[in-house]
Amino acid sequence: MWNNPAIEKCMGRIMIDREGYRPNVGIILTNAKNQVFWGKRIRQDAWQFPQGGIQHGETPEQAMYRELHEEVGLHACHVKILGRTRDWMRYDVPQSWGKSRSHYKGQKQIWFLLRLTGRDCDVSLRASGHPEFDAWRWTEYWIELDTVIDFKRDVYRLALNELVRFLPALRGQEHLATQK
């Protein structure tokens, strides 16, 4: 069970810590070529990595597997965990995001780096009744993050830079994400 003394509120199944951040997981899914999975937000021109909230009683790893299935249709048997971030990474959600932002300041995330051990055809964006993405693609590990919503870009850069150490073919390229 995920126990954290910093958790103060539990609103339904959404938890918020004392600082006002929702615990969350982010997923960087790679293929054998070290390309990363990007999902296109449904009916939007925005691309992002799979992510989602940690529910009461879940560990970050359990939440990661649940979100991986809900958003991408993959199960634990389709992936291998290569690594995860050492600490929480935070971003603030702008006030202009309105109602969805009313109960929390932002999100804090543990990021996981996964390797797809299954096949591309195992990906199913319609695995849940509430799809997050309507398209997906593989891209190079280091790409410009201009299609990522602006308030998440710094966390994406931090996660990519920290997790590249688990990809020997890309080691030494940490600086590339900060230049874009």
Protein backbone atom coordinates (compact mmCIF):
# COMPACT_ATOMS: atom_id res chain seq x y z
CA MET A 1 0.00 0.00 0.00
CA TRP A 2 1.20 3.50 -0.76
CA ASN A 3 1.52 5.31 2.57
CA ASN A 4 2.66 8.89 2.65
CA PRO A 5 2.28 11.12 5.69
CA ALA A 6 2.16 14.16 3.40
CA ILE A 7 -1.23 13.08 2.07
CA GLU A 8 -3.85 15.21 3.71
CA LYS A 9 -7.03 15.02 1.67
CA CYS A 10 -8.69 12.20 -0.15
CA MET A 11 -11.52 13.48 -2.33
CA GLY A 12 -13.26 10.41 -3.61
CA ARG A 13 -10.33 8.56 -5.08
CA ILE A 14 -8.26 11.69 -5.82
CA MET A 15 -5.58 12.43 -3.25
CA ILE A 16 -3.99 15.81 -2.63
CA ASP A 17 -0.93 16.41 -0.46
CA ARG A 18 -0.44 19.25 2.05
CA GLU A 19 1.14 21.46 -0.61
CA GLY A 20 -1.87 21.03 -2.89
CA TYR A 21 -0.36 18.57 -5.40
CA ARG A 22 -2.08 15.46 -6.76
CA PRO A 23 0.16 12.36 -6.76
CA ASN A 24 0.49 11.14 -10.32
CA VAL A 25 2.57 8.85 -12.52
CA GLY A 26 4.08 9.59 -15.91
CA ILE A 27 5.07 6.93 -18.42
CA ILE A 28 7.80 7.11 -21.04
CA LEU A 29 7.32 4.02 -23.17
CA THR A 30 10.19 3.10 -25.48
CA ASN A 31 10.56 0.59 -28.28
CA ALA A 32 13.64 -1.44 -29.26
CA LYS A 33 14.96 1.57 -31.25
CA ASN A 34 14.75 3.81 -28.13
CA GLN A 35 11.94 5.78 -29.72
CA VAL A 36 9.25 7.05 -27.37
CA PHE A 37 5.48 6.67 -27.51
CA TRP A 38 3.49 9.89 -27.89
CA GLY A 39 -0.28 9.96 -27.61
CA LYS A 40 -2.37 12.67 -29.25
CA ARG A 41 -4.94 14.06 -26.83
CA ILE A 42 -8.42 13.22 -28.05
CA ARG A 43 -9.86 15.97 -30.29
CA GLN A 44 -6.82 18.22 -29.65
CA ASP A 45 -3.59 19.04 -31.41
CA ALA A 46 -1.52 18.24 -28.31
CA TRP A 47 0.76 15.26 -27.79
CA GLN A 48 1.83 13.85 -24.46
CA PHE A 49 3.12 10.81 -22.62
CA PRO A 50 0.60 8.63 -20.81
CA GLN A 51 0.02 9.78 -17.24
CA GLY A 52 -2.58 9.66 -14.52
CA GLY A 53 -3.41 9.97 -10.86
CA ILE A 54 -2.48 7.59 -8.09
CA GLN A 55 -5.61 6.33 -6.38
CA HIS A 56 -5.97 5.77 -2.66
CA GLY A 57 -4.22 2.53 -1.68
CA GLU A 58 -2.13 2.26 -4.87
CA THR A 59 1.63 2.26 -5.13
CA PRO A 60 3.11 4.37 -7.94
CA GLU A 61 3.94 1.15 -9.79
CA GLN A 62 0.37 -0.15 -9.49
CA ALA A 63 -0.95 3.20 -10.72
CA MET A 64 1.50 3.10 -13.64
CA TYR A 65 0.24 -0.32 -14.76
CA ARG A 66 -3.40 0.75 -14.38
CA GLU A 67 -2.82 3.95 -16.39
CA LEU A 68 -0.80 2.06 -19.01
CA HIS A 69 -3.75 -0.24 -19.60
CA GLU A 70 -6.42 2.49 -19.46
CA GLU A 71 -4.63 4.84 -21.85
CA VAL A 72 -2.58 2.55 -24.09
CA GLY A 73 -4.19 -0.87 -23.67
CA LEU A 74 -0.97 -2.56 -22.58
CA HIS A 75 -0.55 -4.98 -19.67
CA ALA A 76 2.49 -5.78 -17.52
CA CYS A 77 3.31 -8.69 -19.84
CA HIS A 78 3.80 -6.21 -22.73
CA VAL A 79 6.45 -4.06 -21.01
CA LYS A 80 9.58 -4.13 -18.89
CA ILE A 81 10.36 -1.42 -16.33
CA LEU A 82 13.77 0.05 -17.13
CA GLY A 83 13.77 2.69 -14.40
CA ARG A 84 11.93 5.42 -12.56
CA THR A 85 12.67 8.89 -11.29
CA ARG A 86 14.28 9.18 -7.87
CA ASP A 87 11.92 11.85 -6.57
CA TRP A 88 8.63 13.55 -7.31
CA MET A 89 8.61 16.08 -10.14
CA ARG A 90 6.05 18.88 -9.84
CA TYR A 91 4.23 21.24 -12.12
CA ASP A 92 1.57 23.82 -11.35
CA VAL A 93 -1.68 23.83 -13.27
CA PRO A 94 -2.58 27.40 -14.32
CA GLN A 95 -5.59 29.06 -12.70
CA SER A 96 -7.03 29.49 -16.19
CA TRP A 97 -7.67 25.75 -16.31
CA GLY A 98 -10.78 26.48 -14.26
CA LYS A 99 -12.95 23.80 -12.75
CA SER A 100 -10.51 20.91 -13.19
CA ARG A 101 -7.95 22.91 -11.24
CA SER A 102 -10.20 24.12 -8.40
CA HIS A 103 -9.18 21.55 -5.78
CA TYR A 104 -5.44 21.34 -6.29
CA LYS A 105 -2.39 23.46 -7.13
CA GLY A 106 -0.76 21.04 -9.54
CA GLN A 107 0.57 17.54 -9.93
CA LYS A 108 3.58 15.73 -8.54
CA GLN A 109 4.76 12.80 -10.59
CA ILE A 110 6.94 9.75 -10.40
CA TRP A 111 8.04 8.92 -13.94
CA PHE A 112 8.62 5.39 -15.24
CA LEU A 113 10.72 4.42 -18.24
CA LEU A 114 9.35 1.29 -19.89
CA ARG A 115 10.46 -0.89 -22.79
CA LEU A 116 7.75 -2.37 -24.99
CA THR A 117 8.36 -6.12 -25.07
CA GLY A 118 5.12 -6.78 -26.92
CA ARG A 119 4.24 -5.63 -30.42
CA ASP A 120 2.91 -2.35 -31.77
CA CYS A 121 -0.38 -4.10 -32.51
CA ASP A 122 -0.81 -4.71 -28.74
CA VAL A 123 -1.43 -0.97 -28.32
CA SER A 124 -5.15 -0.21 -28.04
CA LEU A 125 -6.26 3.36 -27.46
CA ARG A 126 -9.83 2.14 -26.87
CA ALA A 127 -9.07 -0.23 -23.97
CA SER A 128 -11.15 1.84 -21.55
CA GLY A 129 -14.52 3.54 -21.82
CA HIS A 130 -12.84 6.96 -21.59
CA PRO A 131 -10.02 7.12 -24.13
CA GLU A 132 -7.35 9.78 -23.59
CA PHE A 133 -5.76 9.57 -27.05
CA ASP A 134 -7.09 9.32 -30.59
CA ALA A 135 -3.72 8.69 -32.28
CA TRP A 136 -0.20 7.63 -31.35
CA ARG A 137 3.28 7.55 -32.85
CA TRP A 138 6.88 6.62 -32.13
CA THR A 139 9.36 9.51 -32.18
CA GLU A 140 13.02 9.97 -31.42
CA TYR A 141 13.80 10.20 -27.69
CA TRP A 142 15.00 13.80 -28.05
CA ILE A 143 12.49 15.95 -29.86
CA GLU A 144 11.27 19.47 -29.39
CA LEU A 145 8.48 19.61 -26.86
CA ASP A 146 6.48 22.34 -28.60
CA THR A 147 3.41 20.09 -28.97
CA VAL A 148 3.34 19.48 -25.20
CA ILE A 149 1.19 21.88 -23.22
CA ASP A 150 3.52 24.62 -21.97
CA PHE A 151 3.15 24.12 -18.21
CA LYS A 152 4.25 20.45 -18.49
CA ARG A 153 7.34 20.98 -20.66
CA ASP A 154 9.86 21.48 -17.85
CA VAL A 155 8.78 18.27 -16.12
CA TYR A 156 9.03 16.39 -19.42
CA ARG A 157 12.59 17.70 -19.90
CA LEU A 158 13.53 16.73 -16.34
CA ALA A 159 12.07 13.23 -16.70
CA LEU A 160 13.70 12.58 -20.09
CA ASN A 161 17.06 13.80 -18.78
CA GLU A 162 16.91 11.74 -15.61
CA LEU A 163 15.71 8.53 -17.25
CA VAL A 164 18.09 8.51 -20.23
CA ARG A 165 20.67 6.89 -17.94
CA PHE A 166 18.73 3.62 -18.35
CA LEU A 167 19.22 3.68 -22.14
CA PRO A 168 22.92 2.94 -22.76
CA ALA A 169 22.75 3.88 -26.46
CA LEU A 170 21.62 7.41 -25.53
CA ARG A 171 23.82 8.04 -22.46
CA GLY A 172 25.76 11.26 -22.64
CA GLN A 173 22.98 13.06 -24.49
CA GLU A 174 21.28 14.51 -21.40
CA HIS A 175 21.99 18.03 -22.56
CA LEU A 176 19.88 17.67 -25.69
CA ALA A 177 16.52 17.97 -23.89
CA THR A 178 17.51 21.25 -22.29
CA GLN A 179 18.52 22.79 -25.62
CA LYS A 180 15.12 22.29 -27.23
